[in-house]
Amino acid sequence: MTAPKNDNATGSGGEVGKAKTKQSKFSESSTTTKAQIDRLLACLRRRPHNTHELRKLGISHPAGRVQDLLKAGFVIESGRTVTVDSDGYTHFGVAIYALLSEPVLPSCCAGLSQPLMFCGVTA
């Protein structure tokens, strides 16, 4: 007895996990690193935010995204605070981040709102 042939699998080698379309603009719920960095930067431009607040905004690893911004020349101060989560639990030593300054963009990027690391110019 022979196994039934799976016609759906023919010609699909190497296609697993490949994106069919390219996303040109991020949605508010996008979890790409770039989208998370954009959201983090927008938040920090308004006021300091703690880890719990940033996670609620879809930034799954705020410390990692802060590191990305630091590498791009942003100056971000971090400290510790006490927070109460949505279930009423108190958390001690939660990170809080404040944007102190942004890198100066090269003249070729003047007027762009994107961070230096995304404009394709290396300093």
N, C-alpha and C. Protein backbone atom coordinates (compact mmCIF):
# COMPACT_ATOMS: atom_id res chain seq x y z
N MET A 1 0.85 -1.17 0.00
CA MET A 1 0.00 0.00 0.00
C MET A 1 0.90 1.23 0.00
N THR A 2 0.60 2.20 -0.84
CA THR A 2 1.41 3.42 -0.92
C THR A 2 0.72 4.53 -0.15
N ALA A 3 1.57 5.43 0.36
CA ALA A 3 1.04 6.58 1.10
C ALA A 3 0.38 7.55 0.14
N PRO A 4 -0.72 8.18 0.54
CA PRO A 4 -1.37 9.15 -0.34
C PRO A 4 -0.44 10.33 -0.61
N LYS A 5 -0.49 10.82 -1.83
CA LYS A 5 0.35 11.94 -2.23
C LYS A 5 -0.27 13.25 -1.75
N ASN A 6 0.56 14.10 -1.16
CA ASN A 6 0.09 15.40 -0.67
C ASN A 6 0.42 16.44 -1.73
N ASP A 7 -0.53 16.74 -2.59
CA ASP A 7 -0.31 17.69 -3.68
C ASP A 7 -0.07 19.11 -3.18
N ASN A 8 -0.55 19.43 -2.00
CA ASN A 8 -0.37 20.77 -1.46
C ASN A 8 1.10 21.08 -1.15
N ALA A 9 1.91 20.04 -0.96
CA ALA A 9 3.29 20.25 -0.57
C ALA A 9 4.23 20.37 -1.77
N THR A 10 3.79 19.98 -2.97
CA THR A 10 4.69 20.02 -4.11
C THR A 10 5.03 21.44 -4.49
N GLY A 11 6.29 21.67 -4.75
CA GLY A 11 6.73 22.99 -5.18
C GLY A 11 6.79 24.02 -4.08
N SER A 12 6.65 23.58 -2.83
CA SER A 12 6.66 24.57 -1.75
C SER A 12 7.95 24.55 -0.94
N GLY A 13 8.95 23.81 -1.41
CA GLY A 13 10.21 23.74 -0.68
C GLY A 13 10.85 25.10 -0.51
N GLY A 14 11.28 25.40 0.70
CA GLY A 14 11.96 26.65 0.98
C GLY A 14 11.05 27.84 1.17
N GLU A 15 9.76 27.65 1.12
CA GLU A 15 8.83 28.77 1.23
C GLU A 15 8.32 28.97 2.65
N VAL A 16 8.62 28.05 3.55
CA VAL A 16 8.11 28.15 4.91
C VAL A 16 8.67 29.39 5.58
N GLY A 17 7.80 30.18 6.17
CA GLY A 17 8.22 31.34 6.93
C GLY A 17 8.54 32.58 6.10
N LYS A 18 8.46 32.49 4.79
CA LYS A 18 8.75 33.66 3.96
C LYS A 18 7.54 34.57 3.89
N ALA A 19 7.76 35.85 4.00
CA ALA A 19 6.67 36.81 3.91
C ALA A 19 6.22 36.96 2.47
N LYS A 20 4.93 37.05 2.27
CA LYS A 20 4.38 37.18 0.92
C LYS A 20 4.40 38.63 0.45
N THR A 21 4.20 39.56 1.38
CA THR A 21 4.18 40.97 1.00
C THR A 21 5.13 41.73 1.90
N LYS A 22 5.55 42.87 1.43
CA LYS A 22 6.44 43.72 2.21
C LYS A 22 5.62 44.86 2.80
N GLN A 23 5.76 45.04 4.11
CA GLN A 23 5.01 46.08 4.80
C GLN A 23 5.77 47.39 4.67
N SER A 24 5.13 48.41 4.13
CA SER A 24 5.81 49.67 3.90
C SER A 24 5.61 50.64 5.06
N LYS A 25 4.51 50.52 5.79
CA LYS A 25 4.25 51.40 6.92
C LYS A 25 3.78 50.54 8.08
N PHE A 26 4.27 50.85 9.28
CA PHE A 26 3.95 50.02 10.43
C PHE A 26 2.61 50.41 11.03
N SER A 27 1.87 49.40 11.46
CA SER A 27 0.62 49.68 12.17
C SER A 27 0.97 49.95 13.63
N GLU A 28 0.00 50.49 14.36
CA GLU A 28 0.22 50.78 15.77
C GLU A 28 0.51 49.52 16.57
N SER A 29 0.07 48.37 16.08
CA SER A 29 0.27 47.12 16.80
C SER A 29 1.44 46.30 16.26
N SER A 30 2.23 46.86 15.36
CA SER A 30 3.36 46.13 14.80
C SER A 30 4.37 45.82 15.89
N THR A 31 4.95 44.63 15.82
CA THR A 31 5.95 44.22 16.81
C THR A 31 7.36 44.20 16.23
N THR A 32 7.55 44.75 15.05
CA THR A 32 8.90 44.79 14.50
C THR A 32 9.78 45.67 15.38
N THR A 33 11.06 45.40 15.37
CA THR A 33 11.98 46.19 16.18
C THR A 33 11.88 47.66 15.83
N LYS A 34 11.83 47.96 14.55
CA LYS A 34 11.75 49.36 14.10
C LYS A 34 10.49 50.03 14.64
N ALA A 35 9.35 49.35 14.57
CA ALA A 35 8.10 49.92 15.07
C ALA A 35 8.17 50.14 16.58
N GLN A 36 8.77 49.21 17.30
CA GLN A 36 8.91 49.36 18.75
C GLN A 36 9.82 50.54 19.09
N ILE A 37 10.90 50.71 18.34
CA ILE A 37 11.81 51.84 18.56
C ILE A 37 11.09 53.15 18.28
N ASP A 38 10.31 53.19 17.21
CA ASP A 38 9.54 54.40 16.88
C ASP A 38 8.58 54.75 18.01
N ARG A 39 7.87 53.74 18.55
CA ARG A 39 6.93 53.99 19.65
C ARG A 39 7.67 54.45 20.91
N LEU A 40 8.79 53.80 21.20
CA LEU A 40 9.57 54.16 22.38
C LEU A 40 10.05 55.61 22.28
N LEU A 41 10.56 55.98 21.13
CA LEU A 41 11.06 57.33 20.94
C LEU A 41 9.94 58.36 21.07
N ALA A 42 8.79 58.07 20.50
CA ALA A 42 7.64 58.97 20.61
C ALA A 42 7.23 59.15 22.07
N CYS A 43 7.24 58.07 22.84
CA CYS A 43 6.87 58.15 24.26
C CYS A 43 7.89 58.96 25.05
N LEU A 44 9.17 58.68 24.83
CA LEU A 44 10.21 59.36 25.60
C LEU A 44 10.33 60.83 25.24
N ARG A 45 9.90 61.20 24.05
CA ARG A 45 9.90 62.62 23.68
C ARG A 45 8.84 63.39 24.47
N ARG A 46 7.79 62.70 24.92
CA ARG A 46 6.72 63.34 25.69
C ARG A 46 7.07 63.46 27.18
N ARG A 47 7.57 62.34 27.75
CA ARG A 47 7.88 62.31 29.18
C ARG A 47 8.60 61.00 29.49
N PRO A 48 9.21 60.88 30.69
CA PRO A 48 9.81 59.60 31.08
C PRO A 48 8.74 58.51 31.20
N HIS A 49 9.11 57.28 30.90
CA HIS A 49 8.20 56.14 30.98
C HIS A 49 8.91 54.98 31.69
N ASN A 50 8.12 54.17 32.40
CA ASN A 50 8.70 52.99 33.03
C ASN A 50 8.44 51.74 32.19
N THR A 51 9.08 50.66 32.58
CA THR A 51 8.99 49.41 31.84
C THR A 51 7.55 48.93 31.67
N HIS A 52 6.74 49.00 32.72
CA HIS A 52 5.35 48.53 32.63
C HIS A 52 4.55 49.34 31.61
N GLU A 53 4.73 50.64 31.61
CA GLU A 53 4.02 51.49 30.65
C GLU A 53 4.42 51.15 29.22
N LEU A 54 5.71 50.94 29.01
CA LEU A 54 6.21 50.67 27.67
C LEU A 54 5.75 49.30 27.17
N ARG A 55 5.69 48.32 28.06
CA ARG A 55 5.19 47.00 27.65
C ARG A 55 3.72 47.06 27.26
N LYS A 56 2.94 47.89 27.95
CA LYS A 56 1.52 48.05 27.60
C LYS A 56 1.37 48.62 26.19
N LEU A 57 2.40 49.33 25.72
CA LEU A 57 2.36 49.93 24.39
C LEU A 57 2.94 49.01 23.32
N GLY A 58 3.21 47.76 23.69
CA GLY A 58 3.69 46.78 22.71
C GLY A 58 5.19 46.75 22.55
N ILE A 59 5.93 47.33 23.47
CA ILE A 59 7.38 47.27 23.44
C ILE A 59 7.77 46.13 24.38
N SER A 60 8.01 44.96 23.82
CA SER A 60 8.15 43.76 24.63
C SER A 60 9.43 43.73 25.45
N HIS A 61 10.50 44.36 24.98
CA HIS A 61 11.77 44.37 25.71
C HIS A 61 12.31 45.80 25.71
N PRO A 62 11.73 46.65 26.57
CA PRO A 62 12.13 48.06 26.56
C PRO A 62 13.63 48.29 26.73
N ALA A 63 14.28 47.53 27.60
CA ALA A 63 15.72 47.72 27.82
C ALA A 63 16.51 47.50 26.53
N GLY A 64 16.11 46.52 25.75
CA GLY A 64 16.78 46.25 24.48
C GLY A 64 16.59 47.38 23.48
N ARG A 65 15.38 47.93 23.43
CA ARG A 65 15.13 49.04 22.51
C ARG A 65 15.85 50.30 22.97
N VAL A 66 15.97 50.50 24.28
CA VAL A 66 16.74 51.64 24.80
C VAL A 66 18.19 51.48 24.38
N GLN A 67 18.71 50.27 24.47
CA GLN A 67 20.09 50.02 24.04
C GLN A 67 20.27 50.36 22.56
N ASP A 68 19.29 50.02 21.74
CA ASP A 68 19.34 50.35 20.31
C ASP A 68 19.46 51.87 20.12
N LEU A 69 18.67 52.62 20.88
CA LEU A 69 18.72 54.08 20.77
C LEU A 69 20.04 54.64 21.30
N LEU A 70 20.56 54.06 22.36
CA LEU A 70 21.85 54.51 22.89
C LEU A 70 22.96 54.31 21.86
N LYS A 71 22.93 53.18 21.18
CA LYS A 71 23.93 52.90 20.14
C LYS A 71 23.82 53.88 18.98
N ALA A 72 22.63 54.42 18.77
CA ALA A 72 22.40 55.38 17.68
C ALA A 72 22.74 56.81 18.09
N GLY A 73 23.19 57.00 19.32
CA GLY A 73 23.61 58.32 19.75
C GLY A 73 22.63 59.08 20.63
N PHE A 74 21.50 58.49 20.96
CA PHE A 74 20.56 59.13 21.86
C PHE A 74 21.11 59.05 23.28
N VAL A 75 20.83 60.05 24.09
CA VAL A 75 21.24 60.04 25.49
C VAL A 75 19.97 59.81 26.32
N ILE A 76 19.95 58.65 26.98
CA ILE A 76 18.78 58.26 27.77
C ILE A 76 19.24 57.91 29.17
N GLU A 77 18.60 58.53 30.14
CA GLU A 77 18.91 58.26 31.53
C GLU A 77 17.96 57.19 32.04
N SER A 78 18.49 56.24 32.79
CA SER A 78 17.62 55.22 33.37
C SER A 78 17.77 55.25 34.88
N GLY A 79 16.68 54.98 35.55
CA GLY A 79 16.67 54.94 37.00
C GLY A 79 15.71 53.85 37.44
N ARG A 80 15.46 53.80 38.71
CA ARG A 80 14.55 52.79 39.27
C ARG A 80 13.41 53.48 40.00
N THR A 81 12.24 52.86 39.94
CA THR A 81 11.06 53.42 40.59
C THR A 81 10.20 52.29 41.14
N VAL A 82 9.17 52.62 41.85
CA VAL A 82 8.20 51.67 42.38
C VAL A 82 6.91 51.88 41.60
N THR A 83 6.32 50.79 41.12
CA THR A 83 5.06 50.88 40.38
C THR A 83 4.04 49.89 40.94
N VAL A 84 2.79 50.14 40.64
CA VAL A 84 1.72 49.21 40.97
C VAL A 84 1.11 48.77 39.65
N ASP A 85 1.06 47.45 39.41
CA ASP A 85 0.56 46.96 38.12
C ASP A 85 -0.96 46.94 38.08
N SER A 86 -1.51 46.52 36.96
CA SER A 86 -2.97 46.54 36.76
C SER A 86 -3.71 45.60 37.70
N ASP A 87 -2.99 44.63 38.30
CA ASP A 87 -3.62 43.72 39.25
C ASP A 87 -3.44 44.17 40.69
N GLY A 88 -2.83 45.35 40.89
CA GLY A 88 -2.66 45.88 42.23
C GLY A 88 -1.39 45.46 42.94
N TYR A 89 -0.50 44.74 42.24
CA TYR A 89 0.75 44.31 42.86
C TYR A 89 1.80 45.42 42.77
N THR A 90 2.54 45.61 43.86
CA THR A 90 3.60 46.61 43.90
C THR A 90 4.91 45.98 43.42
N HIS A 91 5.59 46.69 42.55
CA HIS A 91 6.89 46.24 42.01
C HIS A 91 7.95 47.27 42.36
N PHE A 92 9.03 46.81 42.96
CA PHE A 92 10.14 47.68 43.34
C PHE A 92 11.26 47.53 42.32
N GLY A 93 11.97 48.61 42.05
CA GLY A 93 13.13 48.55 41.16
C GLY A 93 12.78 48.47 39.69
N VAL A 94 11.63 48.96 39.30
CA VAL A 94 11.23 48.95 37.89
C VAL A 94 11.98 50.07 37.17
N ALA A 95 12.52 49.76 36.01
CA ALA A 95 13.30 50.76 35.26
C ALA A 95 12.39 51.87 34.75
N ILE A 96 12.93 53.08 34.80
CA ILE A 96 12.25 54.25 34.22
C ILE A 96 13.28 54.95 33.33
N TYR A 97 12.85 55.35 32.14
CA TYR A 97 13.74 55.92 31.13
C TYR A 97 13.32 57.35 30.79
N ALA A 98 14.33 58.22 30.67
CA ALA A 98 14.08 59.61 30.29
C ALA A 98 15.03 59.98 29.16
N LEU A 99 14.49 60.56 28.09
CA LEU A 99 15.30 61.02 26.96
C LEU A 99 15.90 62.37 27.31
N LEU A 100 17.24 62.44 27.30
CA LEU A 100 17.93 63.69 27.63
C LEU A 100 18.32 64.48 26.39
N SER A 101 18.79 63.78 25.34
CA SER A 101 19.13 64.46 24.09
C SER A 101 19.14 63.48 22.94
N GLU A 102 19.04 64.04 21.75
CA GLU A 102 19.03 63.25 20.52
C GLU A 102 20.28 63.56 19.71
N PRO A 103 20.71 62.62 18.87
CA PRO A 103 21.90 62.87 18.06
C PRO A 103 21.63 63.94 17.01
N VAL A 104 22.66 64.64 16.62
CA VAL A 104 22.56 65.62 15.55
C VAL A 104 22.69 64.86 14.24
N LEU A 105 21.70 65.03 13.37
CA LEU A 105 21.72 64.32 12.09
C LEU A 105 22.66 65.01 11.11
N PRO A 106 23.33 64.23 10.24
CA PRO A 106 24.15 64.84 9.21
C PRO A 106 23.28 65.68 8.26
N SER A 107 23.88 66.60 7.56
CA SER A 107 23.12 67.51 6.69
C SER A 107 22.29 66.77 5.65
N CYS A 108 22.75 65.61 5.22
CA CYS A 108 21.99 64.85 4.21
C CYS A 108 20.66 64.33 4.77
N CYS A 109 20.55 64.29 6.08
CA CYS A 109 19.34 63.77 6.71
C CYS A 109 18.50 64.87 7.36
N ALA A 110 18.88 66.11 7.16
CA ALA A 110 18.16 67.22 7.78
C ALA A 110 16.69 67.17 7.39
N GLY A 111 15.84 67.34 8.36
CA GLY A 111 14.42 67.34 8.11
C GLY A 111 13.77 65.97 8.25
N LEU A 112 14.57 64.92 8.36
CA LEU A 112 14.00 63.59 8.53
C LEU A 112 13.65 63.38 9.99
N SER A 113 12.57 62.68 10.24
CA SER A 113 12.17 62.41 11.62
C SER A 113 12.73 61.09 12.13
N GLN A 114 13.40 60.34 11.27
CA GLN A 114 13.91 59.03 11.65
C GLN A 114 15.23 59.13 12.38
N PRO A 115 15.48 58.22 13.33
CA PRO A 115 16.77 58.20 14.00
C PRO A 115 17.90 57.91 13.02
N LEU A 116 19.10 58.34 13.36
CA LEU A 116 20.28 58.18 12.52
C LEU A 116 20.49 56.74 12.08
N MET A 117 20.26 55.78 12.96
CA MET A 117 20.54 54.38 12.62
C MET A 117 19.63 53.86 11.52
N PHE A 118 18.55 54.55 11.21
CA PHE A 118 17.63 54.08 10.19
C PHE A 118 17.72 54.90 8.91
N CYS A 119 18.53 55.94 8.86
CA CYS A 119 18.57 56.75 7.65
C CYS A 119 19.59 56.22 6.66
N GLY A 120 20.38 55.23 7.05
CA GLY A 120 21.32 54.59 6.14
C GLY A 120 22.66 55.29 6.10
N VAL A 121 22.86 56.32 6.90
CA VAL A 121 24.14 57.02 6.94
C VAL A 121 24.88 56.59 8.18
N THR A 122 26.13 56.24 8.03
CA THR A 122 26.93 55.87 9.20
C THR A 122 27.84 57.03 9.55
N ALA A 123 27.93 57.31 10.80
CA ALA A 123 28.75 58.44 11.27
C ALA A 123 30.23 58.09 11.26
